[in-house]
C-alpha atoms as a PDB file:
ATOM      1  CA  MET A   1     104.813 112.967 115.665  1.00  0.00           C
ATOM      2  CA  ALA A   2     103.620 109.783 116.952  1.00  0.00           C
ATOM      3  CA  ARG A   3     104.590 106.467 115.104  1.00  0.00           C
ATOM      4  CA  SER A   4     101.910 104.321 113.616  1.00  0.00           C
ATOM      5  CA  SER A   5     102.164 100.511 114.453  1.00  0.00           C
ATOM      6  CA  LYS A   6     102.113  98.010 111.653  1.00  0.00           C
ATOM      7  CA  PRO A   7     102.493  94.304 111.722  1.00  0.00           C
ATOM      8  CA  LEU A   8     106.016  93.141 110.703  1.00  0.00           C
ATOM      9  CA  PRO A   9     104.822  91.565 107.235  1.00  0.00           C
ATOM     10  CA  GLU A  10     103.055  94.832 106.450  1.00  0.00           C
ATOM     11  CA  LEU A  11     106.036  97.018 107.394  1.00  0.00           C
ATOM     12  CA  ARG A  12     108.271  94.895 105.398  1.00  0.00           C
ATOM     13  CA  GLN A  13     106.139  95.030 102.336  1.00  0.00           C
ATOM     14  CA  MET A  14     105.908  98.990 102.577  1.00  0.00           C
ATOM     15  CA  LEU A  15     109.695  99.449 103.181  1.00  0.00           C
ATOM     16  CA  ALA A  16     110.461  97.282 100.034  1.00  0.00           C
ATOM     17  CA  GLN A  17     108.159  99.049  97.891  1.00  0.00           C
ATOM     18  CA  CYS A  18     109.366 102.438  98.984  1.00  0.00           C
ATOM     19  CA  LEU A  19     112.976 101.278  98.342  1.00  0.00           C
ATOM     20  CA  LEU A  20     111.817 100.185  94.772  1.00  0.00           C
ATOM     21  CA  GLU A  21     110.446 103.783  94.128  1.00  0.00           C
ATOM     22  CA  VAL A  22     113.643 105.646  94.983  1.00  0.00           C
ATOM     23  CA  PRO A  23     115.822 106.444  92.000  1.00  0.00           C
ATOM     24  CA  GLY A  24     118.857 104.351  92.262  1.00  0.00           C
ATOM     25  CA  CYS A  25     117.381 101.809  94.726  1.00  0.00           C
ATOM     26  CA  GLY A  26     115.314  99.765  92.124  1.00  0.00           C
ATOM     27  CA  ASP A  27     117.625  96.791  92.553  1.00  0.00           C
ATOM     28  CA  CYS A  28     118.075  97.319  96.416  1.00  0.00           C
ATOM     29  CA  GLU A  29     117.215  94.100  98.367  1.00  0.00           C
ATOM     30  CA  LEU A  30     115.766  94.307 101.775  1.00  0.00           C
ATOM     31  CA  ARG A  31     117.908  91.645 103.625  1.00  0.00           C
ATOM     32  CA  ALA A  32     116.408  91.876 107.205  1.00  0.00           C
ATOM     33  CA  VAL A  33     114.120  93.799 109.392  1.00  0.00           C
ATOM     34  CA  CYS A  34     114.997  93.255 113.056  1.00  0.00           C
ATOM     35  CA  VAL A  35     112.694  93.888 115.822  1.00  0.00           C
ATOM     36  CA  HIS A  36     114.165  95.083 119.116  1.00  0.00           C
ATOM     37  CA  ARG A  37     113.541  96.909 122.358  1.00  0.00           C
ATOM     38  CA  PRO A  38     112.739 100.726 121.586  1.00  0.00           C
ATOM     39  CA  ASP A  39     116.009 102.693 120.864  1.00  0.00           C
ATOM     40  CA  HIS A  40     116.674 106.289 122.071  1.00  0.00           C
ATOM     41  CA  THR A  41     114.327 107.560 119.364  1.00  0.00           C
ATOM     42  CA  GLY A  42     111.486 105.143 120.230  1.00  0.00           C
ATOM     43  CA  CYS A  43     111.762 102.957 117.252  1.00  0.00           C
ATOM     44  CA  ASN A  44     111.515  99.112 117.824  1.00  0.00           C
ATOM     45  CA  TRP A  45     112.992  97.952 114.529  1.00  0.00           C
ATOM     46  CA  SER A  46     115.834  98.289 112.101  1.00  0.00           C
ATOM     47  CA  ALA A  47     116.593  97.303 108.544  1.00  0.00           C
ATOM     48  CA  GLU A  48     119.465  95.972 106.472  1.00  0.00           C
ATOM     49  CA  VAL A  49     119.612  96.354 102.745  1.00  0.00           C
ATOM     50  CA  ASP A  50     122.010  95.343  99.926  1.00  0.00           C
ATOM     51  CA  PHE A  51     122.524  95.870  96.207  1.00  0.00           C
ATOM     52  CA  PRO A  52     123.620  92.156  95.287  1.00  0.00           C
ATOM     53  CA  ALA A  53     123.724  92.524  91.571  1.00  0.00           C
ATOM     54  CA  ARG A  54     126.411  95.513  91.875  1.00  0.00           C
ATOM     55  CA  GLY A  55     129.998  95.784  92.408  1.00  0.00           C
ATOM     56  CA  GLU A  56     130.966  97.527  95.984  1.00  0.00           C
ATOM     57  CA  GLU A  57     131.596 101.138  94.462  1.00  0.00           C
ATOM     58  CA  GLU A  58     128.228 101.131  92.758  1.00  0.00           C
ATOM     59  CA  ALA A  59     126.362  99.920  95.898  1.00  0.00           C
ATOM     60  CA  VAL A  60     128.053 102.368  97.984  1.00  0.00           C
ATOM     61  CA  ARG A  61     127.014 105.127  95.755  1.00  0.00           C
ATOM     62  CA  ASP A  62     123.246 104.510  96.452  1.00  0.00           C
ATOM     63  CA  LEU A  63     123.476 103.265  99.732  1.00  0.00           C
ATOM     64  CA  PRO A  64     122.883 106.799 101.346  1.00  0.00           C
ATOM     65  CA  ARG A  65     119.540 106.876  99.428  1.00  0.00           C
ATOM     66  CA  ALA A  66     118.345 103.711 100.835  1.00  0.00           C
ATOM     67  CA  ARG A  67     119.423 104.679 104.408  1.00  0.00           C
ATOM     68  CA  ARG A  68     117.375 107.821 104.077  1.00  0.00           C
ATOM     69  CA  VAL A  69     114.155 105.705 103.118  1.00  0.00           C
ATOM     70  CA  ILE A  70     114.801 103.518 106.212  1.00  0.00           C
ATOM     71  CA  VAL A  71     115.302 106.437 108.481  1.00  0.00           C
ATOM     72  CA  LEU A  72     112.017 107.905 107.283  1.00  0.00           C
ATOM     73  CA  MET A  73     110.149 104.825 107.902  1.00  0.00           C
ATOM     74  CA  ARG A  74     111.661 104.525 111.314  1.00  0.00           C
ATOM     75  CA  GLU A  75     110.483 107.923 112.216  1.00  0.00           C
ATOM     76  CA  ARG A  76     106.846 107.074 111.104  1.00  0.00           C
ATOM     77  CA  TYR A  77     106.413 103.277 112.108  1.00  0.00           C
ATOM     78  CA  ASN A  78     106.991 100.755 114.799  1.00  0.00           C
ATOM     79  CA  VAL A  79     106.231  96.971 114.738  1.00  0.00           C
ATOM     80  CA  VAL A  80     103.258  96.072 116.548  1.00  0.00           C
ATOM     81  CA  PRO A  81     104.299  94.170 119.583  1.00  0.00           C
ATOM     82  CA  GLY A  82     104.152  90.236 119.060  1.00  0.00           C
ATOM     83  CA  SER A  83     103.702  90.430 115.344  1.00  0.00           C
ATOM     84  CA  ALA A  84     107.450  89.564 114.950  1.00  0.00           C
ATOM     85  CA  ALA A  85     106.900  86.087 115.971  1.00  0.00           C
END
């Protein structure tokens, strides 16, 4: 499956919205979306999330759910070259 390309601001918005919709991730905060050279999968971005209102044990419990969202989005989308500036 070929990836669709999205401008960085649109990708951030889509990712944040998807995270909000996942049970257990409603309070997940998208900390950073980093654009880089394509990795071994061909994806040119990665993301970092946090659960700032939770304690460590609680955050660790739902982090795999948030990671699954990021992995699925990375499989489907790339950042449009030059839109990260």
